[in-house]
Amino acid sequence: MTYHTLPRIRIPCGATAAFDYDSGISYRCEYCMAVVGSIGQPEECKEKALEYELMEKLGGKGWAYHEHVIEE
């Protein structure tokens, strides 16, 4: 059986997140342990992600999670 691990990613607030294998569908912040994008994520993190979403809507560069993979 081959076990494939997914890479860690950097999220807009500056922290890193690792795939949550227990849930099988999400990334979990390694700093606050919240699921990225969830209701449990701290407000300051949500606000930083929203900044990038708004910049993208205005024609700027948004946050592309696949571009922020941490190579180990």
PDB file of N, CA and C in Angstrom:
ATOM      1  N   MET A   1       0.849  -1.179   0.000  1.00  0.00           N
ATOM      2  CA  MET A   1       0.000   0.000   0.000  1.00  0.00           C
ATOM      3  C   MET A   1       0.892   1.239   0.000  1.00  0.00           C
ATOM      4  N   THR A   2       0.650   2.149  -0.923  1.00  0.00           N
ATOM      5  CA  THR A   2       1.414   3.387  -0.999  1.00  0.00           C
ATOM      6  C   THR A   2       0.696   4.466  -0.218  1.00  0.00           C
ATOM      7  N   TYR A   3       1.432   5.133   0.637  1.00  0.00           N
ATOM      8  CA  TYR A   3       0.866   6.206   1.446  1.00  0.00           C
ATOM      9  C   TYR A   3       1.422   7.522   0.934  1.00  0.00           C
ATOM     10  N   HIS A   4       0.564   8.371   0.405  1.00  0.00           N
ATOM     11  CA  HIS A   4       0.984   9.647  -0.153  1.00  0.00           C
ATOM     12  C   HIS A   4       0.667  10.754   0.845  1.00  0.00           C
ATOM     13  N   THR A   5       1.667  11.541   1.202  1.00  0.00           N
ATOM     14  CA  THR A   5       1.419  12.659   2.101  1.00  0.00           C
ATOM     15  C   THR A   5       1.301  13.941   1.284  1.00  0.00           C
ATOM     16  N   LEU A   6       0.383  14.770   1.648  1.00  0.00           N
ATOM     17  CA  LEU A   6       0.180  16.045   0.972  1.00  0.00           C
ATOM     18  C   LEU A   6       1.095  17.088   1.604  1.00  0.00           C
ATOM     19  N   PRO A   7       1.567  18.049   0.795  1.00  0.00           N
ATOM     20  CA  PRO A   7       2.495  19.053   1.324  1.00  0.00           C
ATOM     21  C   PRO A   7       1.806  20.045   2.255  1.00  0.00           C
ATOM     22  N   ARG A   8       2.597  20.649   3.116  1.00  0.00           N
ATOM     23  CA  ARG A   8       2.107  21.739   3.951  1.00  0.00           C
ATOM     24  C   ARG A   8       1.994  22.978   3.065  1.00  0.00           C
ATOM     25  N   ILE A   9       1.113  23.895   3.445  1.00  0.00           N
ATOM     26  CA  ILE A   9       0.936  25.126   2.682  1.00  0.00           C
ATOM     27  C   ILE A   9       1.061  26.331   3.610  1.00  0.00           C
ATOM     28  N   ARG A  10       1.420  27.457   3.031  1.00  0.00           N
ATOM     29  CA  ARG A  10       1.408  28.705   3.779  1.00  0.00           C
ATOM     30  C   ARG A  10       0.055  29.355   3.517  1.00  0.00           C
ATOM     31  N   ILE A  11      -0.556  29.868   4.578  1.00  0.00           N
ATOM     32  CA  ILE A  11      -1.877  30.485   4.448  1.00  0.00           C
ATOM     33  C   ILE A  11      -1.743  32.006   4.599  1.00  0.00           C
ATOM     34  N   PRO A  12      -2.753  32.772   4.170  1.00  0.00           N
ATOM     35  CA  PRO A  12      -2.637  34.236   4.108  1.00  0.00           C
ATOM     36  C   PRO A  12      -2.178  34.922   5.394  1.00  0.00           C
ATOM     37  N   CYS A  13      -2.475  34.376   6.549  1.00  0.00           N
ATOM     38  CA  CYS A  13      -2.075  35.026   7.803  1.00  0.00           C
ATOM     39  C   CYS A  13      -0.592  34.830   8.105  1.00  0.00           C
ATOM     40  N   GLY A  14       0.094  33.996   7.305  1.00  0.00           N
ATOM     41  CA  GLY A  14       1.520  33.769   7.506  1.00  0.00           C
ATOM     42  C   GLY A  14       1.856  32.448   8.178  1.00  0.00           C
ATOM     43  N   ALA A  15       0.854  31.793   8.727  1.00  0.00           N
ATOM     44  CA  ALA A  15       1.067  30.489   9.380  1.00  0.00           C
ATOM     45  C   ALA A  15       1.144  29.387   8.328  1.00  0.00           C
ATOM     46  N   THR A  16       1.424  28.180   8.768  1.00  0.00           N
ATOM     47  CA  THR A  16       1.430  27.032   7.868  1.00  0.00           C
ATOM     48  C   THR A  16       0.272  26.111   8.238  1.00  0.00           C
ATOM     49  N   ALA A  17      -0.174  25.346   7.259  1.00  0.00           N
ATOM     50  CA  ALA A  17      -1.274  24.408   7.477  1.00  0.00           C
ATOM     51  C   ALA A  17      -0.899  23.068   6.874  1.00  0.00           C
ATOM     52  N   ALA A  18      -1.315  22.013   7.549  1.00  0.00           N
ATOM     53  CA  ALA A  18      -1.056  20.652   7.084  1.00  0.00           C
ATOM     54  C   ALA A  18      -2.396  19.978   6.800  1.00  0.00           C
ATOM     55  N   PHE A  19      -2.391  19.048   5.857  1.00  0.00           N
ATOM     56  CA  PHE A  19      -3.619  18.328   5.540  1.00  0.00           C
ATOM     57  C   PHE A  19      -4.082  17.564   6.767  1.00  0.00           C
ATOM     58  N   ASP A  20      -5.369  17.641   7.055  1.00  0.00           N
ATOM     59  CA  ASP A  20      -5.961  16.957   8.201  1.00  0.00           C
ATOM     60  C   ASP A  20      -6.442  15.580   7.752  1.00  0.00           C
ATOM     61  N   TYR A  21      -5.613  14.585   7.949  1.00  0.00           N
ATOM     62  CA  TYR A  21      -5.937  13.232   7.495  1.00  0.00           C
ATOM     63  C   TYR A  21      -7.118  12.631   8.261  1.00  0.00           C
ATOM     64  N   ASP A  22      -7.382  13.113   9.486  1.00  0.00           N
ATOM     65  CA  ASP A  22      -8.540  12.616  10.233  1.00  0.00           C
ATOM     66  C   ASP A  22      -9.843  13.004   9.541  1.00  0.00           C
ATOM     67  N   SER A  23      -9.899  14.234   9.023  1.00  0.00           N
ATOM     68  CA  SER A  23     -11.120  14.658   8.324  1.00  0.00           C
ATOM     69  C   SER A  23     -11.111  14.156   6.883  1.00  0.00           C
ATOM     70  N   GLY A  24      -9.918  14.099   6.300  1.00  0.00           N
ATOM     71  CA  GLY A  24      -9.790  13.651   4.918  1.00  0.00           C
ATOM     72  C   GLY A  24     -10.162  14.680   3.871  1.00  0.00           C
ATOM     73  N   ILE A  25     -10.510  15.918   4.299  1.00  0.00           N
ATOM     74  CA  ILE A  25     -10.971  16.912   3.319  1.00  0.00           C
ATOM     75  C   ILE A  25     -10.444  18.324   3.542  1.00  0.00           C
ATOM     76  N   SER A  26      -9.674  18.562   4.587  1.00  0.00           N
ATOM     77  CA  SER A  26      -9.323  19.948   4.887  1.00  0.00           C
ATOM     78  C   SER A  26      -7.877  20.091   5.350  1.00  0.00           C
ATOM     79  N   TYR A  27      -7.458  21.343   5.417  1.00  0.00           N
ATOM     80  CA  TYR A  27      -6.148  21.679   5.980  1.00  0.00           C
ATOM     81  C   TYR A  27      -6.373  22.295   7.350  1.00  0.00           C
ATOM     82  N   ARG A  28      -5.462  22.024   8.273  1.00  0.00           N
ATOM     83  CA  ARG A  28      -5.564  22.541   9.635  1.00  0.00           C
ATOM     84  C   ARG A  28      -4.341  23.418   9.919  1.00  0.00           C
ATOM     85  N   CYS A  29      -4.584  24.607  10.451  1.00  0.00           N
ATOM     86  CA  CYS A  29      -3.517  25.536  10.781  1.00  0.00           C
ATOM     87  C   CYS A  29      -2.642  24.938  11.884  1.00  0.00           C
ATOM     88  N   GLU A  30      -1.345  24.979  11.679  1.00  0.00           N
ATOM     89  CA  GLU A  30      -0.425  24.423  12.677  1.00  0.00           C
ATOM     90  C   GLU A  30      -0.194  25.382  13.845  1.00  0.00           C
ATOM     91  N   TYR A  31      -0.640  26.636  13.718  1.00  0.00           N
ATOM     92  CA  TYR A  31      -0.482  27.614  14.786  1.00  0.00           C
ATOM     93  C   TYR A  31      -1.683  27.583  15.749  1.00  0.00           C
ATOM     94  N   CYS A  32      -2.895  27.730  15.194  1.00  0.00           N
ATOM     95  CA  CYS A  32      -4.089  27.806  16.065  1.00  0.00           C
ATOM     96  C   CYS A  32      -4.912  26.521  16.058  1.00  0.00           C
ATOM     97  N   MET A  33      -4.571  25.576  15.162  1.00  0.00           N
ATOM     98  CA  MET A  33      -5.232  24.276  15.034  1.00  0.00           C
ATOM     99  C   MET A  33      -6.647  24.355  14.466  1.00  0.00           C
ATOM    100  N   ALA A  34      -7.052  25.518  13.936  1.00  0.00           N
ATOM    101  CA  ALA A  34      -8.374  25.640  13.313  1.00  0.00           C
ATOM    102  C   ALA A  34      -8.312  25.097  11.890  1.00  0.00           C
ATOM    103  N   VAL A  35      -9.443  24.604  11.406  1.00  0.00           N
ATOM    104  CA  VAL A  35      -9.542  24.184  10.012  1.00  0.00           C
ATOM    105  C   VAL A  35      -9.574  25.454   9.164  1.00  0.00           C
ATOM    106  N   VAL A  36      -8.729  25.506   8.138  1.00  0.00           N
ATOM    107  CA  VAL A  36      -8.627  26.685   7.283  1.00  0.00           C
ATOM    108  C   VAL A  36      -9.979  26.948   6.615  1.00  0.00           C
ATOM    109  N   GLY A  37     -10.478  28.178   6.779  1.00  0.00           N
ATOM    110  CA  GLY A  37     -11.750  28.580   6.191  1.00  0.00           C
ATOM    111  C   GLY A  37     -12.975  28.226   7.022  1.00  0.00           C
ATOM    112  N   SER A  38     -12.761  27.653   8.202  1.00  0.00           N
ATOM    113  CA  SER A  38     -13.903  27.231   9.018  1.00  0.00           C
ATOM    114  C   SER A  38     -14.395  28.355   9.921  1.00  0.00           C
ATOM    115  N   ILE A  39     -15.528  28.122  10.538  1.00  0.00           N
ATOM    116  CA  ILE A  39     -16.094  29.080  11.480  1.00  0.00           C
ATOM    117  C   ILE A  39     -15.194  29.226  12.714  1.00  0.00           C
ATOM    118  N   GLY A  40     -14.385  28.213  12.986  1.00  0.00           N
ATOM    119  CA  GLY A  40     -13.493  28.244  14.144  1.00  0.00           C
ATOM    120  C   GLY A  40     -12.186  28.971  13.909  1.00  0.00           C
ATOM    121  N   GLN A  41     -11.947  29.413  12.685  1.00  0.00           N
ATOM    122  CA  GLN A  41     -10.709  30.118  12.384  1.00  0.00           C
ATOM    123  C   GLN A  41     -10.769  31.517  13.003  1.00  0.00           C
ATOM    124  N   PRO A  42      -9.690  31.992  13.623  1.00  0.00           N
ATOM    125  CA  PRO A  42      -9.691  33.322  14.244  1.00  0.00           C
ATOM    126  C   PRO A  42     -10.059  34.433  13.256  1.00  0.00           C
ATOM    127  N   GLU A  43     -10.710  35.469  13.742  1.00  0.00           N
ATOM    128  CA  GLU A  43     -11.174  36.576  12.894  1.00  0.00           C
ATOM    129  C   GLU A  43     -10.038  37.230  12.119  1.00  0.00           C
ATOM    130  N   GLU A  44      -8.870  37.429  12.764  1.00  0.00           N
ATOM    131  CA  GLU A  44      -7.774  38.100  12.064  1.00  0.00           C
ATOM    132  C   GLU A  44      -7.290  37.282  10.865  1.00  0.00           C
ATOM    133  N   CYS A  45      -7.382  35.972  10.959  1.00  0.00           N
ATOM    134  CA  CYS A  45      -7.005  35.106   9.829  1.00  0.00           C
ATOM    135  C   CYS A  45      -8.034  35.206   8.710  1.00  0.00           C
ATOM    136  N   LYS A  46      -9.306  35.207   9.082  1.00  0.00           N
ATOM    137  CA  LYS A  46     -10.370  35.334   8.084  1.00  0.00           C
ATOM    138  C   LYS A  46     -10.269  36.670   7.358  1.00  0.00           C
ATOM    139  N   GLU A  47      -9.949  37.740   8.119  1.00  0.00           N
ATOM    140  CA  GLU A  47      -9.841  39.070   7.527  1.00  0.00           C
ATOM    141  C   GLU A  47      -8.691  39.138   6.527  1.00  0.00           C
ATOM    142  N   LYS A  48      -7.565  38.491   6.846  1.00  0.00           N
ATOM    143  CA  LYS A  48      -6.413  38.492   5.940  1.00  0.00           C
ATOM    144  C   LYS A  48      -6.770  37.745   4.648  1.00  0.00           C
ATOM    145  N   ALA A  49      -7.462  36.617   4.761  1.00  0.00           N
ATOM    146  CA  ALA A  49      -7.890  35.865   3.575  1.00  0.00           C
ATOM    147  C   ALA A  49      -8.865  36.706   2.748  1.00  0.00           C
ATOM    148  N   LEU A  50      -9.759  37.429   3.415  1.00  0.00           N
ATOM    149  CA  LEU A  50     -10.724  38.285   2.725  1.00  0.00           C
ATOM    150  C   LEU A  50     -10.020  39.410   1.957  1.00  0.00           C
ATOM    151  N   GLU A  51      -8.939  39.952   2.532  1.00  0.00           N
ATOM    152  CA  GLU A  51      -8.165  40.981   1.832  1.00  0.00           C
ATOM    153  C   GLU A  51      -7.705  40.481   0.471  1.00  0.00           C
ATOM    154  N   TYR A  52      -7.170  39.258   0.438  1.00  0.00           N
ATOM    155  CA  TYR A  52      -6.689  38.697  -0.827  1.00  0.00           C
ATOM    156  C   TYR A  52      -7.832  38.413  -1.795  1.00  0.00           C
ATOM    157  N   GLU A  53      -8.983  37.979  -1.263  1.00  0.00           N
ATOM    158  CA  GLU A  53     -10.149  37.744  -2.118  1.00  0.00           C
ATOM    159  C   GLU A  53     -10.607  39.048  -2.767  1.00  0.00           C
ATOM    160  N   LEU A  54     -10.627  40.116  -1.973  1.00  0.00           N
ATOM    161  CA  LEU A  54     -11.050  41.421  -2.498  1.00  0.00           C
ATOM    162  C   LEU A  54     -10.043  41.960  -3.511  1.00  0.00           C
ATOM    163  N   MET A  55      -8.732  41.788  -3.230  1.00  0.00           N
ATOM    164  CA  MET A  55      -7.716  42.234  -4.189  1.00  0.00           C
ATOM    165  C   MET A  55      -7.894  41.535  -5.535  1.00  0.00           C
ATOM    166  N   GLU A  56      -8.197  40.233  -5.477  1.00  0.00           N
ATOM    167  CA  GLU A  56      -8.394  39.472  -6.715  1.00  0.00           C
ATOM    168  C   GLU A  56      -9.608  39.983  -7.487  1.00  0.00           C
ATOM    169  N   LYS A  57     -10.691  40.276  -6.756  1.00  0.00           N
ATOM    170  CA  LYS A  57     -11.900  40.791  -7.414  1.00  0.00           C
ATOM    171  C   LYS A  57     -11.657  42.143  -8.064  1.00  0.00           C
ATOM    172  N   LEU A  58     -10.710  42.898  -7.501  1.00  0.00           N
ATOM    173  CA  LEU A  58     -10.388  44.218  -8.046  1.00  0.00           C
ATOM    174  C   LEU A  58      -9.320  44.142  -9.136  1.00  0.00           C
ATOM    175  N   GLY A  59      -8.940  42.922  -9.517  1.00  0.00           N
ATOM    176  CA  GLY A  59      -7.979  42.748 -10.603  1.00  0.00           C
ATOM    177  C   GLY A  59      -6.555  42.521 -10.153  1.00  0.00           C
ATOM    178  N   GLY A  60      -6.332  42.474  -8.850  1.00  0.00           N
ATOM    179  CA  GLY A  60      -4.989  42.227  -8.328  1.00  0.00           C
ATOM    180  C   GLY A  60      -4.711  40.741  -8.179  1.00  0.00           C
ATOM    181  N   LYS A  61      -3.603  40.446  -7.536  1.00  0.00           N
ATOM    182  CA  LYS A  61      -3.209  39.057  -7.334  1.00  0.00           C
ATOM    183  C   LYS A  61      -3.857  38.545  -6.052  1.00  0.00           C
ATOM    184  N   GLY A  62      -4.648  37.528  -6.173  1.00  0.00           N
ATOM    185  CA  GLY A  62      -5.259  36.901  -5.007  1.00  0.00           C
ATOM    186  C   GLY A  62      -4.291  35.906  -4.387  1.00  0.00           C
ATOM    187  N   TRP A  63      -4.764  35.154  -3.424  1.00  0.00           N
ATOM    188  CA  TRP A  63      -3.942  34.150  -2.758  1.00  0.00           C
ATOM    189  C   TRP A  63      -4.170  32.808  -3.440  1.00  0.00           C
ATOM    190  N   ALA A  64      -3.152  32.283  -4.079  1.00  0.00           N
ATOM    191  CA  ALA A  64      -3.239  30.983  -4.743  1.00  0.00           C
ATOM    192  C   ALA A  64      -2.548  29.948  -3.845  1.00  0.00           C
ATOM    193  N   TYR A  65      -3.346  29.174  -3.147  1.00  0.00           N
ATOM    194  CA  TYR A  65      -2.797  28.223  -2.178  1.00  0.00           C
ATOM    195  C   TYR A  65      -1.800  27.263  -2.819  1.00  0.00           C
ATOM    196  N   HIS A  66      -2.038  26.864  -4.065  1.00  0.00           N
ATOM    197  CA  HIS A  66      -1.138  25.919  -4.728  1.00  0.00           C
ATOM    198  C   HIS A  66       0.234  26.541  -5.019  1.00  0.00           C
ATOM    199  N   GLU A  67       0.324  27.869  -4.976  1.00  0.00           N
ATOM    200  CA  GLU A  67       1.617  28.527  -5.182  1.00  0.00           C
ATOM    201  C   GLU A  67       2.404  28.662  -3.882  1.00  0.00           C
ATOM    202  N   HIS A  68       1.792  28.321  -2.763  1.00  0.00           N
ATOM    203  CA  HIS A  68       2.427  28.502  -1.467  1.00  0.00           C
ATOM    204  C   HIS A  68       2.689  27.154  -0.779  1.00  0.00           C
ATOM    205  N   VAL A  69       3.065  26.180  -1.568  1.00  0.00           N
ATOM    206  CA  VAL A  69       3.389  24.848  -1.040  1.00  0.00           C
ATOM    207  C   VAL A  69       4.778  24.909  -0.420  1.00  0.00           C
ATOM    208  N   ILE A  70       4.936  24.288   0.726  1.00  0.00           N
ATOM    209  CA  ILE A  70       6.222  24.251   1.424  1.00  0.00           C
ATOM    210  C   ILE A  70       6.910  22.939   1.064  1.00  0.00           C
ATOM    211  N   GLU A  71       8.008  23.046   0.348  1.00  0.00           N
ATOM    212  CA  GLU A  71       8.766  21.858  -0.054  1.00  0.00           C
ATOM    213  C   GLU A  71       9.607  21.390   1.132  1.00  0.00           C
ATOM    214  N   GLU A  72       9.515  20.106   1.409  1.00  0.00           N
ATOM    215  CA  GLU A  72      10.295  19.557   2.530  1.00  0.00           C
ATOM    216  C   GLU A  72      11.182  18.439   2.060  1.00  0.00           C
TER     217      GLU A  72
END
